[in-house]
Amino acid sequence: MTLDVALLEQAAGPASESLPPDVAYNRQWARSLLNVVFRRLREEWAASDRLGLFEQLEPHLWGDVTAVPYPDLAQRFGLTQVNLRVMLHRLRQRYRSILLETVAQTVADPAEVDGELQFLIQVLRQ
């Protein structure tokens, strides 16, 4: 299953107060799960002394059009634009990996992970 990290984050935006209780509960669960994933990813980058770079790449992870442009970031951190794009690609891959690991911890059978991910996306789109 292909995961669009930016779509997940956008879908996890503020919940509508008019949602039925079960939908609101599921949405809060999904948002909490995504927060756990993000915190773990952030901690990994902090542990490797790359928190500053992570904080600058984060808006690109979510597709934020107001993020600092790649050329500026590359120059700021002494990287080529190609290296910066590779780092962002790896950041997205790691986010997906942590998400899969986290979702796998919520199901009894590993075969249920894809279904749970589909449910997560469905809940966030509501």
C-alpha atoms as a PDB file:
ATOM      1  CA  MET A   1       0.000   0.000   0.000  1.00  0.00           C
ATOM      2  CA  THR A   2       1.318   3.429  -0.927  1.00  0.00           C
ATOM      3  CA  LEU A   3       1.059   6.016   1.818  1.00  0.00           C
ATOM      4  CA  ASP A   4       0.975   9.726   1.119  1.00  0.00           C
ATOM      5  CA  VAL A   5       2.446  11.301   4.241  1.00  0.00           C
ATOM      6  CA  ALA A   6       1.170  14.776   3.338  1.00  0.00           C
ATOM      7  CA  LEU A   7      -2.351  13.430   2.810  1.00  0.00           C
ATOM      8  CA  LEU A   8      -2.295  11.758   6.216  1.00  0.00           C
ATOM      9  CA  GLU A   9      -1.222  14.966   7.922  1.00  0.00           C
ATOM     10  CA  GLN A  10      -3.777  17.114   6.096  1.00  0.00           C
ATOM     11  CA  ALA A  11      -6.519  14.642   6.895  1.00  0.00           C
ATOM     12  CA  ALA A  12      -5.500  14.669  10.540  1.00  0.00           C
ATOM     13  CA  GLY A  13      -6.390  18.348  10.799  1.00  0.00           C
ATOM     14  CA  PRO A  14      -8.910  19.717  13.284  1.00  0.00           C
ATOM     15  CA  ALA A  15     -11.919  17.503  13.865  1.00  0.00           C
ATOM     16  CA  SER A  16     -15.388  18.799  13.252  1.00  0.00           C
ATOM     17  CA  GLU A  17     -17.439  19.230  16.409  1.00  0.00           C
ATOM     18  CA  SER A  18     -20.456  17.885  14.552  1.00  0.00           C
ATOM     19  CA  LEU A  19     -19.005  14.405  14.105  1.00  0.00           C
ATOM     20  CA  PRO A  20     -20.883  11.477  15.646  1.00  0.00           C
ATOM     21  CA  PRO A  21     -19.202  10.229  18.848  1.00  0.00           C
ATOM     22  CA  ASP A  22     -17.857   7.010  17.297  1.00  0.00           C
ATOM     23  CA  VAL A  23     -16.344   8.893  14.366  1.00  0.00           C
ATOM     24  CA  ALA A  24     -14.857  11.530  16.682  1.00  0.00           C
ATOM     25  CA  TYR A  25     -13.363   8.773  18.867  1.00  0.00           C
ATOM     26  CA  ASN A  26     -11.828   6.976  15.883  1.00  0.00           C
ATOM     27  CA  ARG A  27     -10.472  10.232  14.510  1.00  0.00           C
ATOM     28  CA  GLN A  28      -8.891  11.100  17.862  1.00  0.00           C
ATOM     29  CA  TRP A  29      -7.323   7.623  17.979  1.00  0.00           C
ATOM     30  CA  ALA A  30      -5.915   8.115  14.482  1.00  0.00           C
ATOM     31  CA  ARG A  31      -4.541  11.554  15.315  1.00  0.00           C
ATOM     32  CA  SER A  32      -2.948  10.195  18.494  1.00  0.00           C
ATOM     33  CA  LEU A  33      -1.332   7.385  16.535  1.00  0.00           C
ATOM     34  CA  LEU A  34       0.112   9.855  14.000  1.00  0.00           C
ATOM     35  CA  ASN A  35       1.439  11.993  16.854  1.00  0.00           C
ATOM     36  CA  VAL A  36       3.231   8.957  18.303  1.00  0.00           C
ATOM     37  CA  VAL A  37       4.776   8.260  14.905  1.00  0.00           C
ATOM     38  CA  PHE A  38       5.913  11.859  14.487  1.00  0.00           C
ATOM     39  CA  ARG A  39       7.396  12.077  17.992  1.00  0.00           C
ATOM     40  CA  ARG A  40       9.372   8.889  17.446  1.00  0.00           C
ATOM     41  CA  LEU A  41      10.722  10.157  14.134  1.00  0.00           C
ATOM     42  CA  ARG A  42      11.677  13.477  15.706  1.00  0.00           C
ATOM     43  CA  GLU A  43      13.427  11.697  18.590  1.00  0.00           C
ATOM     44  CA  GLU A  44      15.447   9.605  16.134  1.00  0.00           C
ATOM     45  CA  TRP A  45      16.699  12.706  14.346  1.00  0.00           C
ATOM     46  CA  ALA A  46      17.419  14.446  17.647  1.00  0.00           C
ATOM     47  CA  ALA A  47      19.411  11.435  18.858  1.00  0.00           C
ATOM     48  CA  SER A  48      21.631  11.704  15.789  1.00  0.00           C
ATOM     49  CA  ASP A  49      22.202  15.452  16.304  1.00  0.00           C
ATOM     50  CA  ARG A  50      20.098  16.392  13.270  1.00  0.00           C
ATOM     51  CA  LEU A  51      17.156  18.033  15.023  1.00  0.00           C
ATOM     52  CA  GLY A  52      17.774  21.406  13.361  1.00  0.00           C
ATOM     53  CA  LEU A  53      17.688  19.827   9.917  1.00  0.00           C
ATOM     54  CA  PHE A  54      14.636  17.770  10.862  1.00  0.00           C
ATOM     55  CA  GLU A  55      12.766  20.885  11.945  1.00  0.00           C
ATOM     56  CA  GLN A  56      13.502  22.509   8.593  1.00  0.00           C
ATOM     57  CA  LEU A  57      12.559  19.400   6.589  1.00  0.00           C
ATOM     58  CA  GLU A  58       9.367  18.758   8.549  1.00  0.00           C
ATOM     59  CA  PRO A  59       7.197  21.250   6.615  1.00  0.00           C
ATOM     60  CA  HIS A  60       8.305  19.562   3.375  1.00  0.00           C
ATOM     61  CA  LEU A  61       7.213  16.229   4.841  1.00  0.00           C
ATOM     62  CA  TRP A  62       3.653  17.553   5.008  1.00  0.00           C
ATOM     63  CA  GLY A  63       3.775  19.315   1.635  1.00  0.00           C
ATOM     64  CA  ASP A  64       3.737  22.794   3.195  1.00  0.00           C
ATOM     65  CA  VAL A  65       4.111  25.278   0.334  1.00  0.00           C
ATOM     66  CA  THR A  66       5.393  27.936   2.753  1.00  0.00           C
ATOM     67  CA  ALA A  67       8.410  25.797   3.723  1.00  0.00           C
ATOM     68  CA  VAL A  68      11.921  27.123   3.188  1.00  0.00           C
ATOM     69  CA  PRO A  69      12.861  26.353  -0.451  1.00  0.00           C
ATOM     70  CA  TYR A  70      15.268  23.477  -1.134  1.00  0.00           C
ATOM     71  CA  PRO A  71      18.104  25.696  -2.442  1.00  0.00           C
ATOM     72  CA  ASP A  72      18.027  27.792   0.734  1.00  0.00           C
ATOM     73  CA  LEU A  73      17.934  24.745   2.996  1.00  0.00           C
ATOM     74  CA  ALA A  74      20.727  23.049   1.102  1.00  0.00           C
ATOM     75  CA  GLN A  75      22.915  26.120   1.424  1.00  0.00           C
ATOM     76  CA  ARG A  76      22.055  26.581   5.108  1.00  0.00           C
ATOM     77  CA  PHE A  77      23.096  23.020   5.968  1.00  0.00           C
ATOM     78  CA  GLY A  78      25.991  22.717   3.517  1.00  0.00           C
ATOM     79  CA  LEU A  79      24.269  20.109   1.362  1.00  0.00           C
ATOM     80  CA  THR A  80      23.587  19.787  -2.324  1.00  0.00           C
ATOM     81  CA  GLN A  81      19.955  19.992  -3.393  1.00  0.00           C
ATOM     82  CA  VAL A  82      20.186  16.373  -4.497  1.00  0.00           C
ATOM     83  CA  ASN A  83      21.405  15.319  -1.045  1.00  0.00           C
ATOM     84  CA  LEU A  84      18.636  17.336   0.581  1.00  0.00           C
ATOM     85  CA  ARG A  85      15.990  15.682  -1.592  1.00  0.00           C
ATOM     86  CA  VAL A  86      17.433  12.258  -0.787  1.00  0.00           C
ATOM     87  CA  MET A  87      17.272  13.081   2.941  1.00  0.00           C
ATOM     88  CA  LEU A  88      13.646  14.162   2.590  1.00  0.00           C
ATOM     89  CA  HIS A  89      12.842  10.984   0.676  1.00  0.00           C
ATOM     90  CA  ARG A  90      14.437   8.913   3.441  1.00  0.00           C
ATOM     91  CA  LEU A  91      12.570  10.936   6.064  1.00  0.00           C
ATOM     92  CA  ARG A  92       9.282  10.094   4.339  1.00  0.00           C
ATOM     93  CA  GLN A  93      10.268   6.438   4.073  1.00  0.00           C
ATOM     94  CA  ARG A  94      11.145   6.320   7.766  1.00  0.00           C
ATOM     95  CA  TYR A  95       7.831   7.983   8.662  1.00  0.00           C
ATOM     96  CA  ARG A  96       6.014   5.272   6.686  1.00  0.00           C
ATOM     97  CA  SER A  97       8.101   2.571   8.333  1.00  0.00           C
ATOM     98  CA  ILE A  98       7.387   3.852  11.839  1.00  0.00           C
ATOM     99  CA  LEU A  99       3.706   4.183  10.945  1.00  0.00           C
ATOM    100  CA  LEU A 100       3.586   0.565   9.802  1.00  0.00           C
ATOM    101  CA  GLU A 101       5.385  -0.587  12.962  1.00  0.00           C
ATOM    102  CA  THR A 102       3.028   1.426  15.152  1.00  0.00           C
ATOM    103  CA  VAL A 103      -0.083   0.146  13.397  1.00  0.00           C
ATOM    104  CA  ALA A 104       1.261  -3.416  13.615  1.00  0.00           C
ATOM    105  CA  GLN A 105       1.370  -3.027  17.398  1.00  0.00           C
ATOM    106  CA  THR A 106      -2.376  -2.338  17.423  1.00  0.00           C
ATOM    107  CA  VAL A 107      -3.443  -5.554  15.695  1.00  0.00           C
ATOM    108  CA  ALA A 108      -3.275  -9.175  16.789  1.00  0.00           C
ATOM    109  CA  ASP A 109      -2.425 -10.579  13.349  1.00  0.00           C
ATOM    110  CA  PRO A 110       0.213  -9.006  11.063  1.00  0.00           C
ATOM    111  CA  ALA A 111      -2.083  -9.765   8.132  1.00  0.00           C
ATOM    112  CA  GLU A 112      -4.458  -7.118   9.516  1.00  0.00           C
ATOM    113  CA  VAL A 113      -1.983  -4.224   9.128  1.00  0.00           C
ATOM    114  CA  ASP A 114      -3.108  -3.225   5.616  1.00  0.00           C
ATOM    115  CA  GLY A 115      -6.745  -3.249   6.670  1.00  0.00           C
ATOM    116  CA  GLU A 116      -5.957  -1.170   9.732  1.00  0.00           C
ATOM    117  CA  LEU A 117      -4.034   1.335   7.597  1.00  0.00           C
ATOM    118  CA  GLN A 118      -6.973   1.603   5.226  1.00  0.00           C
ATOM    119  CA  PHE A 119      -9.238   2.180   8.218  1.00  0.00           C
ATOM    120  CA  LEU A 120      -6.854   4.845   9.535  1.00  0.00           C
ATOM    121  CA  ILE A 121      -6.922   6.699   6.220  1.00  0.00           C
ATOM    122  CA  GLN A 122     -10.698   6.369   5.992  1.00  0.00           C
ATOM    123  CA  VAL A 123     -11.133   7.767   9.505  1.00  0.00           C
ATOM    124  CA  LEU A 124      -8.854  10.715   8.803  1.00  0.00           C
ATOM    125  CA  ARG A 125     -10.735  11.574   5.626  1.00  0.00           C
ATOM    126  CA  GLN A 126     -14.055  11.853   7.472  1.00  0.00           C
END
